[in-house]
All heavy atoms as atom14 arrays in JSON, in Angstrom:
{
  "sequence": "NEVEAGKYYRILITNYSGLYRYDIGDVMEVVGFYEQAPLIVFR",
  "atom14_mask": [
    [1, 1, 1, 1, 1, 1, 1, 1, 0, 0, 0, 0, 0, 0],
    [1, 1, 1, 1, 1, 1, 1, 1, 1, 0, 0, 0, 0, 0],
    [1, 1, 1, 1, 1, 1, 1, 0, 0, 0, 0, 0, 0, 0],
    [1, 1, 1, 1, 1, 1, 1, 1, 1, 0, 0, 0, 0, 0],
    [1, 1, 1, 1, 1, 0, 0, 0, 0, 0, 0, 0, 0, 0],
    [1, 1, 1, 1, 0, 0, 0, 0, 0, 0, 0, 0, 0, 0],
    [1, 1, 1, 1, 1, 1, 1, 1, 1, 0, 0, 0, 0, 0],
    [1, 1, 1, 1, 1, 1, 1, 1, 1, 1, 1, 1, 0, 0],
    [1, 1, 1, 1, 1, 1, 1, 1, 1, 1, 1, 1, 0, 0],
    [1, 1, 1, 1, 1, 1, 1, 1, 1, 1, 1, 0, 0, 0],
    [1, 1, 1, 1, 1, 1, 1, 1, 0, 0, 0, 0, 0, 0],
    [1, 1, 1, 1, 1, 1, 1, 1, 0, 0, 0, 0, 0, 0],
    [1, 1, 1, 1, 1, 1, 1, 1, 0, 0, 0, 0, 0, 0],
    [1, 1, 1, 1, 1, 1, 1, 0, 0, 0, 0, 0, 0, 0],
    [1, 1, 1, 1, 1, 1, 1, 1, 0, 0, 0, 0, 0, 0],
    [1, 1, 1, 1, 1, 1, 1, 1, 1, 1, 1, 1, 0, 0],
    [1, 1, 1, 1, 1, 1, 0, 0, 0, 0, 0, 0, 0, 0],
    [1, 1, 1, 1, 0, 0, 0, 0, 0, 0, 0, 0, 0, 0],
    [1, 1, 1, 1, 1, 1, 1, 1, 0, 0, 0, 0, 0, 0],
    [1, 1, 1, 1, 1, 1, 1, 1, 1, 1, 1, 1, 0, 0],
    [1, 1, 1, 1, 1, 1, 1, 1, 1, 1, 1, 0, 0, 0],
    [1, 1, 1, 1, 1, 1, 1, 1, 1, 1, 1, 1, 0, 0],
    [1, 1, 1, 1, 1, 1, 1, 1, 0, 0, 0, 0, 0, 0],
    [1, 1, 1, 1, 1, 1, 1, 1, 0, 0, 0, 0, 0, 0],
    [1, 1, 1, 1, 0, 0, 0, 0, 0, 0, 0, 0, 0, 0],
    [1, 1, 1, 1, 1, 1, 1, 1, 0, 0, 0, 0, 0, 0],
    [1, 1, 1, 1, 1, 1, 1, 0, 0, 0, 0, 0, 0, 0],
    [1, 1, 1, 1, 1, 1, 1, 1, 0, 0, 0, 0, 0, 0],
    [1, 1, 1, 1, 1, 1, 1, 1, 1, 0, 0, 0, 0, 0],
    [1, 1, 1, 1, 1, 1, 1, 0, 0, 0, 0, 0, 0, 0],
    [1, 1, 1, 1, 1, 1, 1, 0, 0, 0, 0, 0, 0, 0],
    [1, 1, 1, 1, 0, 0, 0, 0, 0, 0, 0, 0, 0, 0],
    [1, 1, 1, 1, 1, 1, 1, 1, 1, 1, 1, 0, 0, 0],
    [1, 1, 1, 1, 1, 1, 1, 1, 1, 1, 1, 1, 0, 0],
    [1, 1, 1, 1, 1, 1, 1, 1, 1, 0, 0, 0, 0, 0],
    [1, 1, 1, 1, 1, 1, 1, 1, 1, 0, 0, 0, 0, 0],
    [1, 1, 1, 1, 1, 0, 0, 0, 0, 0, 0, 0, 0, 0],
    [1, 1, 1, 1, 1, 1, 1, 0, 0, 0, 0, 0, 0, 0],
    [1, 1, 1, 1, 1, 1, 1, 1, 0, 0, 0, 0, 0, 0],
    [1, 1, 1, 1, 1, 1, 1, 1, 0, 0, 0, 0, 0, 0],
    [1, 1, 1, 1, 1, 1, 1, 0, 0, 0, 0, 0, 0, 0],
    [1, 1, 1, 1, 1, 1, 1, 1, 1, 1, 1, 0, 0, 0],
    [1, 1, 1, 1, 1, 1, 1, 1, 1, 1, 1, 0, 0, 0]
  ],
  "atom14_positions": [
    [[-2.57, 6.83, 6.2], [-3.77, 7.52, 6.66], [-4.32, 8.5, 5.62], [-5.32, 9.18, 5.87], [-3.49, 8.27, 7.96], [-2.41, 9.32, 7.82], [-1.39, 9.07, 7.17], [-2.61, 10.49, 8.4], [0.0, 0.0, 0.0], [0.0, 0.0, 0.0], [0.0, 0.0, 0.0], [0.0, 0.0, 0.0], [0.0, 0.0, 0.0], [0.0, 0.0, 0.0]],
    [[-3.68, 8.58, 4.45], [-4.09, 9.55, 3.43], [-4.7, 8.9, 2.19], [-5.19, 9.6, 1.31], [-2.88, 10.4, 3.01], [-2.31, 11.23, 4.15], [-1.01, 11.94, 3.78], [-0.21, 11.35, 3.01], [-0.8, 13.06, 4.26], [0.0, 0.0, 0.0], [0.0, 0.0, 0.0], [0.0, 0.0, 0.0], [0.0, 0.0, 0.0], [0.0, 0.0, 0.0]],
    [[-4.66, 7.57, 2.11], [-5.18, 6.89, 0.93], [-6.7, 6.83, 0.97], [-7.32, 7.01, 2.03], [-4.6, 5.46, 0.79], [-3.09, 5.52, 0.58], [-4.93, 4.62, 2.02], [0.0, 0.0, 0.0], [0.0, 0.0, 0.0], [0.0, 0.0, 0.0], [0.0, 0.0, 0.0], [0.0, 0.0, 0.0], [0.0, 0.0, 0.0], [0.0, 0.0, 0.0]],
    [[-7.3, 6.56, -0.19], [-8.76, 6.5, -0.3], [-9.21, 5.15, -0.84], [-8.57, 4.59, -1.73], [-9.26, 7.6, -1.24], [-8.96, 9.01, -0.77], [-9.44, 10.05, -1.77], [-10.57, 9.89, -2.29], [-8.69, 11.0, -2.05], [0.0, 0.0, 0.0], [0.0, 0.0, 0.0], [0.0, 0.0, 0.0], [0.0, 0.0, 0.0], [0.0, 0.0, 0.0]],
    [[-10.32, 4.66, -0.3], [-10.9, 3.41, -0.77], [-11.33, 3.55, -2.22], [-11.84, 4.59, -2.64], [-12.08, 3.01, 0.1], [0.0, 0.0, 0.0], [0.0, 0.0, 0.0], [0.0, 0.0, 0.0], [0.0, 0.0, 0.0], [0.0, 0.0, 0.0], [0.0, 0.0, 0.0], [0.0, 0.0, 0.0], [0.0, 0.0, 0.0], [0.0, 0.0, 0.0]],
    [[-11.08, 2.49, -3.0], [-11.47, 2.49, -4.4], [-10.41, 3.01, -5.34], [-10.61, 2.99, -6.56], [0.0, 0.0, 0.0], [0.0, 0.0, 0.0], [0.0, 0.0, 0.0], [0.0, 0.0, 0.0], [0.0, 0.0, 0.0], [0.0, 0.0, 0.0], [0.0, 0.0, 0.0], [0.0, 0.0, 0.0], [0.0, 0.0, 0.0], [0.0, 0.0, 0.0]],
    [[-9.28, 3.46, -4.81], [-8.22, 3.99, -5.66], [-7.03, 3.04, -5.72], [-6.8, 2.23, -4.82], [-7.79, 5.38, -5.17], [-8.89, 6.42, -5.34], [-8.36, 7.84, -5.2], [-9.45, 8.86, -5.54], [-8.96, 10.25, -5.43], [0.0, 0.0, 0.0], [0.0, 0.0, 0.0], [0.0, 0.0, 0.0], [0.0, 0.0, 0.0], [0.0, 0.0, 0.0]],
    [[-6.26, 3.2, -6.81], [-5.11, 2.33, -7.07], [-3.81, 3.08, -6.76], [-3.69, 4.27, -7.05], [-5.1, 1.88, -8.54], [-6.17, 0.88, -8.88], [-7.51, 1.26, -8.92], [-5.85, -0.44, -9.14], [-8.5, 0.34, -9.23], [-6.82, -1.37, -9.47], [-8.15, -0.97, -9.51], [-9.12, -1.88, -9.82], [0.0, 0.0, 0.0], [0.0, 0.0, 0.0]],
    [[-2.85, 2.34, -6.21], [-1.57, 2.93, -5.83], [-0.43, 1.94, -6.1], [-0.61, 0.73, -6.0], [-1.55, 3.27, -4.33], [-2.64, 4.19, -3.87], [-3.87, 3.69, -3.43], [-2.46, 5.58, -3.87], [-4.89, 4.54, -3.0], [-3.46, 6.44, -3.43], [-4.67, 5.91, -3.01], [-5.68, 6.76, -2.58], [0.0, 0.0, 0.0], [0.0, 0.0, 0.0]],
    [[0.72, 2.48, -6.44], [1.95, 1.71, -6.31], [2.4, 1.84, -4.87], [2.21, 2.88, -4.25], [3.03, 2.25, -7.25], [2.88, 1.77, -8.66], [3.84, 2.38, -9.65], [5.06, 2.9, -9.07], [5.66, 4.0, -9.49], [5.14, 4.71, -10.47], [6.78, 4.4, -8.94], [0.0, 0.0, 0.0], [0.0, 0.0, 0.0], [0.0, 0.0, 0.0]],
    [[3.02, 0.79, -4.36], [3.37, 0.79, -2.94], [4.88, 0.77, -2.77], [5.6, 0.04, -3.47], [2.69, -0.42, -2.23], [2.77, -0.28, -0.71], [3.26, -1.73, -2.69], [1.83, -1.21, 0.03], [0.0, 0.0, 0.0], [0.0, 0.0, 0.0], [0.0, 0.0, 0.0], [0.0, 0.0, 0.0], [0.0, 0.0, 0.0], [0.0, 0.0, 0.0]],
    [[5.38, 1.63, -1.88], [6.81, 1.71, -1.55], [7.0, 1.16, -0.14], [6.19, 1.39, 0.74], [7.3, 3.16, -1.58], [7.01, 4.0, -2.82], [7.64, 5.39, -2.66], [7.53, 3.33, -4.09], [0.0, 0.0, 0.0], [0.0, 0.0, 0.0], [0.0, 0.0, 0.0], [0.0, 0.0, 0.0], [0.0, 0.0, 0.0], [0.0, 0.0, 0.0]],
    [[8.11, 0.45, 0.06], [8.35, -0.17, 1.36], [9.73, 0.17, 1.88], [10.72, 0.22, 1.12], [8.16, -1.7, 1.28], [8.22, -2.34, 2.67], [9.16, -2.35, 0.34], [7.78, -3.78, 2.69], [0.0, 0.0, 0.0], [0.0, 0.0, 0.0], [0.0, 0.0, 0.0], [0.0, 0.0, 0.0], [0.0, 0.0, 0.0], [0.0, 0.0, 0.0]],
    [[9.8, 0.46, 3.17], [11.06, 0.64, 3.9], [11.04, -0.37, 5.03], [10.1, -0.37, 5.85], [11.19, 2.06, 4.46], [11.14, 3.01, 3.38], [12.48, 2.23, 5.24], [0.0, 0.0, 0.0], [0.0, 0.0, 0.0], [0.0, 0.0, 0.0], [0.0, 0.0, 0.0], [0.0, 0.0, 0.0], [0.0, 0.0, 0.0], [0.0, 0.0, 0.0]],
    [[12.04, -1.27, 5.1], [11.98, -2.29, 6.14], [13.37, -2.73, 6.6], [14.39, -2.2, 6.14], [11.15, -3.49, 5.66], [11.75, -4.16, 4.42], [12.94, -4.03, 4.12], [10.91, -4.9, 3.7], [0.0, 0.0, 0.0], [0.0, 0.0, 0.0], [0.0, 0.0, 0.0], [0.0, 0.0, 0.0], [0.0, 0.0, 0.0], [0.0, 0.0, 0.0]],
    [[13.4, -3.71, 7.5], [14.65, -4.13, 8.11], [15.48, -5.06, 7.22], [16.51, -5.57, 7.66], [14.38, -4.8, 9.46], [14.1, -3.78, 10.55], [12.82, -3.64, 11.09], [15.11, -2.94, 11.01], [12.57, -2.7, 12.08], [14.86, -2.0, 11.99], [13.59, -1.88, 12.52], [13.34, -0.93, 13.5], [0.0, 0.0, 0.0], [0.0, 0.0, 0.0]],
    [[15.08, -5.24, 5.97], [15.95, -5.96, 5.03], [16.92, -4.99, 4.35], [17.77, -5.4, 3.57], [15.12, -6.69, 3.97], [14.49, -5.76, 3.11], [0.0, 0.0, 0.0], [0.0, 0.0, 0.0], [0.0, 0.0, 0.0], [0.0, 0.0, 0.0], [0.0, 0.0, 0.0], [0.0, 0.0, 0.0], [0.0, 0.0, 0.0], [0.0, 0.0, 0.0]],
    [[16.76, -3.7, 4.64], [17.67, -2.71, 4.08], [17.15, -2.06, 2.82], [17.93, -1.44, 2.07], [0.0, 0.0, 0.0], [0.0, 0.0, 0.0], [0.0, 0.0, 0.0], [0.0, 0.0, 0.0], [0.0, 0.0, 0.0], [0.0, 0.0, 0.0], [0.0, 0.0, 0.0], [0.0, 0.0, 0.0], [0.0, 0.0, 0.0], [0.0, 0.0, 0.0]],
    [[15.86, -2.17, 2.57], [15.25, -1.47, 1.44], [14.65, -0.16, 1.94], [13.98, -0.13, 2.98], [14.15, -2.34, 0.8], [14.61, -3.68, 0.21], [13.41, -4.47, -0.31], [15.62, -3.47, -0.9], [0.0, 0.0, 0.0], [0.0, 0.0, 0.0], [0.0, 0.0, 0.0], [0.0, 0.0, 0.0], [0.0, 0.0, 0.0], [0.0, 0.0, 0.0]],
    [[14.87, 0.9, 1.18], [14.41, 2.23, 1.6], [13.57, 2.85, 0.49], [14.06, 3.06, -0.61], [15.62, 3.13, 1.9], [16.55, 2.59, 2.95], [17.54, 1.67, 2.62], [16.46, 2.99, 4.29], [18.41, 1.16, 3.58], [17.32, 2.49, 5.26], [18.29, 1.58, 4.89], [19.15, 1.08, 5.85], [0.0, 0.0, 0.0], [0.0, 0.0, 0.0]],
    [[12.3, 3.06, 0.78], [11.38, 3.66, -0.19], [11.42, 2.86, -1.51], [11.42, 3.41, -2.6], [11.69, 5.13, -0.44], [11.85, 5.97, 0.81], [11.86, 7.46, 0.47], [10.52, 7.91, 0.09], [10.27, 8.96, -0.69], [11.28, 9.64, -1.21], [9.03, 9.31, -0.98], [0.0, 0.0, 0.0], [0.0, 0.0, 0.0], [0.0, 0.0, 0.0]],
    [[11.4, 1.56, -1.38], [11.6, 0.67, -2.53], [10.26, 0.37, -3.19], [9.3, -0.04, -2.54], [12.27, -0.62, -2.08], [12.58, -1.56, -3.22], [13.62, -1.28, -4.09], [11.82, -2.71, -3.43], [13.91, -2.12, -5.15], [12.11, -3.56, -4.48], [13.15, -3.26, -5.34], [13.43, -4.1, -6.38], [0.0, 0.0, 0.0], [0.0, 0.0, 0.0]],
    [[10.21, 0.58, -4.49], [9.02, 0.3, -5.29], [9.05, -1.17, -5.7], [9.84, -1.56, -6.56], [8.98, 1.2, -6.52], [7.69, 1.07, -7.32], [6.93, 0.11, -7.09], [7.45, 1.94, -8.18], [0.0, 0.0, 0.0], [0.0, 0.0, 0.0], [0.0, 0.0, 0.0], [0.0, 0.0, 0.0], [0.0, 0.0, 0.0], [0.0, 0.0, 0.0]],
    [[8.2, -2.0, -5.09], [8.25, -3.43, -5.38], [7.59, -3.78, -6.71], [7.64, -4.93, -7.14], [7.62, -4.26, -4.24], [6.13, -3.93, -4.1], [8.36, -4.05, -2.94], [5.43, -4.81, -3.09], [0.0, 0.0, 0.0], [0.0, 0.0, 0.0], [0.0, 0.0, 0.0], [0.0, 0.0, 0.0], [0.0, 0.0, 0.0], [0.0, 0.0, 0.0]],
    [[6.94, -2.79, -7.34], [6.36, -3.02, -8.65], [4.94, -3.51, -8.64], [4.38, -3.85, -9.69], [0.0, 0.0, 0.0], [0.0, 0.0, 0.0], [0.0, 0.0, 0.0], [0.0, 0.0, 0.0], [0.0, 0.0, 0.0], [0.0, 0.0, 0.0], [0.0, 0.0, 0.0], [0.0, 0.0, 0.0], [0.0, 0.0, 0.0], [0.0, 0.0, 0.0]],
    [[4.31, -3.54, -7.45], [2.94, -4.01, -7.36], [1.95, -2.85, -7.36], [2.2, -1.82, -6.72], [2.72, -4.81, -6.06], [3.39, -6.17, -6.1], [3.83, -6.58, -7.19], [3.48, -6.81, -5.05], [0.0, 0.0, 0.0], [0.0, 0.0, 0.0], [0.0, 0.0, 0.0], [0.0, 0.0, 0.0], [0.0, 0.0, 0.0], [0.0, 0.0, 0.0]],
    [[0.85, -3.03, -8.09], [-0.24, -2.06, -8.07], [-1.32, -2.62, -7.15], [-1.82, -3.73, -7.34], [-0.81, -1.82, -9.48], [-2.06, -0.94, -9.41], [0.25, -1.16, -10.36], [0.0, 0.0, 0.0], [0.0, 0.0, 0.0], [0.0, 0.0, 0.0], [0.0, 0.0, 0.0], [0.0, 0.0, 0.0], [0.0, 0.0, 0.0], [0.0, 0.0, 0.0]],
    [[-1.65, -1.84, -6.12], [-2.62, -2.25, -5.12], [-3.87, -1.38, -5.18], [-3.77, -0.18, -5.46], [-2.01, -2.14, -3.71], [-0.8, -3.01, -3.47], [-1.3, -4.73, -3.24], [0.26, -5.46, -2.73], [0.0, 0.0, 0.0], [0.0, 0.0, 0.0], [0.0, 0.0, 0.0], [0.0, 0.0, 0.0], [0.0, 0.0, 0.0], [0.0, 0.0, 0.0]],
    [[-5.0, -1.99, -4.89], [-6.23, -1.21, -4.7], [-6.53, -1.16, -3.21], [-6.46, -2.18, -2.52], [-7.41, -1.85, -5.43], [-8.7, -1.05, -5.25], [-9.92, -1.7, -5.88], [-9.78, -2.8, -6.47], [-11.02, -1.1, -5.79], [0.0, 0.0, 0.0], [0.0, 0.0, 0.0], [0.0, 0.0, 0.0], [0.0, 0.0, 0.0], [0.0, 0.0, 0.0]],
    [[-6.84, 0.01, -2.7], [-7.32, 0.14, -1.33], [-8.82, -0.1, -1.37], [-9.56, 0.62, -2.06], [-7.01, 1.53, -0.75], [-7.66, 1.7, 0.63], [-5.49, 1.73, -0.63], [0.0, 0.0, 0.0], [0.0, 0.0, 0.0], [0.0, 0.0, 0.0], [0.0, 0.0, 0.0], [0.0, 0.0, 0.0], [0.0, 0.0, 0.0], [0.0, 0.0, 0.0]],
    [[-9.29, -1.14, -0.69], [-10.7, -1.52, -0.77], [-11.49, -1.14, 0.48], [-12.68, -1.4, 0.57], [-10.85, -3.04, -1.04], [-10.31, -3.39, -2.41], [-10.15, -3.86, 0.04], [0.0, 0.0, 0.0], [0.0, 0.0, 0.0], [0.0, 0.0, 0.0], [0.0, 0.0, 0.0], [0.0, 0.0, 0.0], [0.0, 0.0, 0.0], [0.0, 0.0, 0.0]],
    [[-10.81, -0.53, 1.45], [-11.48, -0.14, 2.69], [-10.47, 0.02, 3.8], [-9.26, 0.15, 3.54], [0.0, 0.0, 0.0], [0.0, 0.0, 0.0], [0.0, 0.0, 0.0], [0.0, 0.0, 0.0], [0.0, 0.0, 0.0], [0.0, 0.0, 0.0], [0.0, 0.0, 0.0], [0.0, 0.0, 0.0], [0.0, 0.0, 0.0], [0.0, 0.0, 0.0]],
    [[-10.95, -0.01, 5.03], [-10.07, 0.14, 6.18], [-10.45, -0.85, 7.28], [-11.63, -1.18, 7.45], [-10.14, 1.57, 6.74], [-9.49, 2.58, 5.84], [-10.19, 3.14, 4.77], [-8.18, 2.97, 6.05], [-9.59, 4.05, 3.93], [-7.57, 3.89, 5.21], [-8.28, 4.43, 4.15], [0.0, 0.0, 0.0], [0.0, 0.0, 0.0], [0.0, 0.0, 0.0]],
    [[-9.45, -1.32, 7.98], [-9.64, -2.12, 9.19], [-9.19, -1.22, 10.33], [-8.0, -0.97, 10.47], [-8.81, -3.4, 9.13], [-9.06, -4.36, 10.28], [-9.91, -5.45, 10.12], [-8.44, -4.16, 11.51], [-10.13, -6.33, 11.17], [-8.67, -5.03, 12.57], [-9.52, -6.11, 12.4], [-9.75, -6.99, 13.45], [0.0, 0.0, 0.0], [0.0, 0.0, 0.0]],
    [[-10.14, -0.71, 11.11], [-9.85, 0.37, 12.05], [-9.21, 1.52, 11.25], [-9.81, 2.0, 10.3], [-8.96, -0.12, 13.2], [-9.58, -1.22, 14.04], [-10.79, -0.78, 14.88], [-11.06, 0.43, 14.94], [-11.47, -1.65, 15.45], [0.0, 0.0, 0.0], [0.0, 0.0, 0.0], [0.0, 0.0, 0.0], [0.0, 0.0, 0.0], [0.0, 0.0, 0.0]],
    [[-7.96, 1.89, 11.54], [-7.31, 2.98, 10.81], [-6.31, 2.51, 9.76], [-5.66, 3.32, 9.11], [-6.61, 3.92, 11.8], [-7.55, 4.67, 12.73], [-6.81, 5.6, 13.67], [-5.62, 5.86, 13.51], [-7.52, 6.12, 14.66], [0.0, 0.0, 0.0], [0.0, 0.0, 0.0], [0.0, 0.0, 0.0], [0.0, 0.0, 0.0], [0.0, 0.0, 0.0]],
    [[-6.2, 1.2, 9.6], [-5.22, 0.65, 8.64], [-5.9, 0.31, 7.32], [-6.98, -0.28, 7.31], [-4.57, -0.6, 9.22], [0.0, 0.0, 0.0], [0.0, 0.0, 0.0], [0.0, 0.0, 0.0], [0.0, 0.0, 0.0], [0.0, 0.0, 0.0], [0.0, 0.0, 0.0], [0.0, 0.0, 0.0], [0.0, 0.0, 0.0], [0.0, 0.0, 0.0]],
    [[-5.29, 0.67, 6.18], [-5.89, 0.34, 4.88], [-5.98, -1.16, 4.65], [-5.12, -1.93, 5.09], [-4.91, 0.97, 3.87], [-4.11, 1.96, 4.65], [-4.03, 1.43, 6.04], [0.0, 0.0, 0.0], [0.0, 0.0, 0.0], [0.0, 0.0, 0.0], [0.0, 0.0, 0.0], [0.0, 0.0, 0.0], [0.0, 0.0, 0.0], [0.0, 0.0, 0.0]],
    [[-7.04, -1.56, 3.96], [-7.19, -2.91, 3.44], [-6.76, -2.88, 1.98], [-7.31, -2.11, 1.19], [-8.63, -3.39, 3.55], [-9.13, -3.75, 4.95], [-10.65, -3.86, 4.96], [-8.52, -5.06, 5.43], [0.0, 0.0, 0.0], [0.0, 0.0, 0.0], [0.0, 0.0, 0.0], [0.0, 0.0, 0.0], [0.0, 0.0, 0.0], [0.0, 0.0, 0.0]],
    [[-5.77, -3.68, 1.62], [-5.21, -3.62, 0.26], [-5.41, -4.94, -0.48], [-5.41, -6.01, 0.13], [-3.72, -3.25, 0.29], [-2.92, -4.25, 1.15], [-3.52, -1.83, 0.83], [-1.41, -4.05, 1.13], [0.0, 0.0, 0.0], [0.0, 0.0, 0.0], [0.0, 0.0, 0.0], [0.0, 0.0, 0.0], [0.0, 0.0, 0.0], [0.0, 0.0, 0.0]],
    [[-5.56, -4.84, -1.79], [-5.66, -6.02, -2.66], [-4.7, -5.84, -3.83], [-4.7, -4.79, -4.49], [-7.08, -6.2, -3.21], [-7.13, -7.4, -4.16], [-8.08, -6.4, -2.08], [0.0, 0.0, 0.0], [0.0, 0.0, 0.0], [0.0, 0.0, 0.0], [0.0, 0.0, 0.0], [0.0, 0.0, 0.0], [0.0, 0.0, 0.0], [0.0, 0.0, 0.0]],
    [[-3.88, -6.85, -4.07], [-2.99, -6.83, -5.23], [-3.82, -6.95, -6.5], [-4.67, -7.82, -6.62], [-1.99, -7.99, -5.15], [-1.22, -8.2, -6.42], [-0.2, -7.34, -6.79], [-1.53, -9.26, -7.27], [0.51, -7.53, -7.97], [-0.84, -9.46, -8.45], [0.19, -8.6, -8.8], [0.0, 0.0, 0.0], [0.0, 0.0, 0.0], [0.0, 0.0, 0.0]],
    [[-3.58, -6.04, -7.46], [-4.31, -6.08, -8.73], [-3.43, -6.54, -9.89], [-3.82, -7.42, -10.64], [-4.93, -4.71, -9.03], [-6.1, -4.34, -8.12], [-7.14, -5.44, -8.08], [-8.31, -5.1, -7.3], [-9.14, -5.99, -6.79], [-8.93, -7.28, -6.96], [-10.2, -5.61, -6.1], [0.0, 0.0, 0.0], [0.0, 0.0, 0.0], [0.0, 0.0, 0.0]]
  ]
}
Protein backbone atom coordinates (compact mmCIF):
# COMPACT_ATOMS: atom_id res chain seq x y z
CA ASN A 1 0.00 0.00 0.00
CA GLU A 2 3.06 2.29 0.04
CA VAL A 3 4.44 1.83 -3.48
CA GLU A 4 3.97 4.38 -6.27
CA ALA A 5 3.03 3.92 -9.92
CA GLY A 6 5.89 4.51 -12.32
CA LYS A 7 8.62 3.49 -9.88
CA TYR A 8 10.94 0.48 -9.87
CA TYR A 9 11.40 -1.90 -6.95
CA ARG A 10 13.13 -5.10 -6.03
CA ILE A 11 10.57 -7.47 -4.59
CA LEU A 12 10.91 -9.59 -1.43
CA ILE A 13 8.68 -12.58 -0.79
CA THR A 14 7.67 -14.52 2.32
CA ASN A 15 5.60 -17.63 1.59
CA TYR A 16 4.69 -21.19 2.53
CA SER A 17 7.72 -22.66 0.74
CA GLY A 18 9.78 -21.49 3.71
CA LEU A 19 11.31 -18.36 2.20
CA TYR A 20 11.37 -15.33 4.48
CA ARG A 21 11.92 -11.82 3.11
CA TYR A 22 13.65 -13.47 0.15
CA ASP A 23 14.97 -11.28 -2.66
CA ILE A 24 14.17 -13.22 -5.84
CA GLY A 25 16.36 -10.88 -7.88
CA ASP A 26 13.61 -9.40 -10.04
CA VAL A 27 13.21 -5.69 -10.69
CA MET A 28 9.54 -4.78 -11.03
CA GLU A 29 7.80 -1.62 -12.16
CA VAL A 30 4.53 -0.67 -10.48
CA VAL A 31 2.36 0.48 -13.39
CA GLY A 32 -0.85 1.20 -11.48
CA PHE A 33 -3.34 -0.38 -9.11
CA TYR A 34 -6.20 -2.86 -9.34
CA GLU A 35 -8.46 -1.68 -6.53
CA GLN A 36 -5.89 -1.45 -3.69
CA ALA A 37 -3.42 -4.02 -5.04
CA PRO A 38 -0.39 -2.92 -7.10
CA LEU A 39 -0.13 -3.87 -10.77
CA ILE A 40 3.43 -5.04 -11.40
CA VAL A 41 5.49 -5.69 -14.53
CA PHE A 42 8.79 -7.56 -14.61
CA ARG A 43 11.48 -5.35 -16.18
